[in-house]
């Protein structure tokens, strides 16, 4: 009589949050996260944060070898519009780097890009998605109101 060894393989579970992130990246090229206006989860009782503590960021630009983008202090809709605009420019091939100025036109703000220190701590969903917690593999640029004038001809 021969005995066959049975091998058990661990069951891998799919994180539904990360599945949603992956679906958005597949469909739109990026996923947006906003922190601060409360949570839509049924079991969450997260209260809205004061405006100066709110922030939003992209997940998906790392797949293209580009830093993720982050902005603070805006409502969810404003954050989504801003990150979709500049994240979309990255998806279209534009390369953004620290020190660059992003011009919103003659009546709009100008943003300066600055590196985010320890992005895996702030961009937690991006860190979860890319599994970079503690590895230093995640990079991000924050859009902050520029302190210097935009050099383009159409703005000034």
Foldseek 3Di string as FASTA:
>chain_A
DDDDDDDDDDDDDDDVVLVVQVVCCVVPVKDKDKPFCADPDPPDDDHGDPLQAIKMKIARCVVVVAAIEMEGRDDPVVRCVVRCVVVVVVVVPDHDDAQDWDDPFQPDFIWGKHKDPPVCVVVVSNCVNVVCVPPPSHIYIYTDGDPDDDPDPGHD
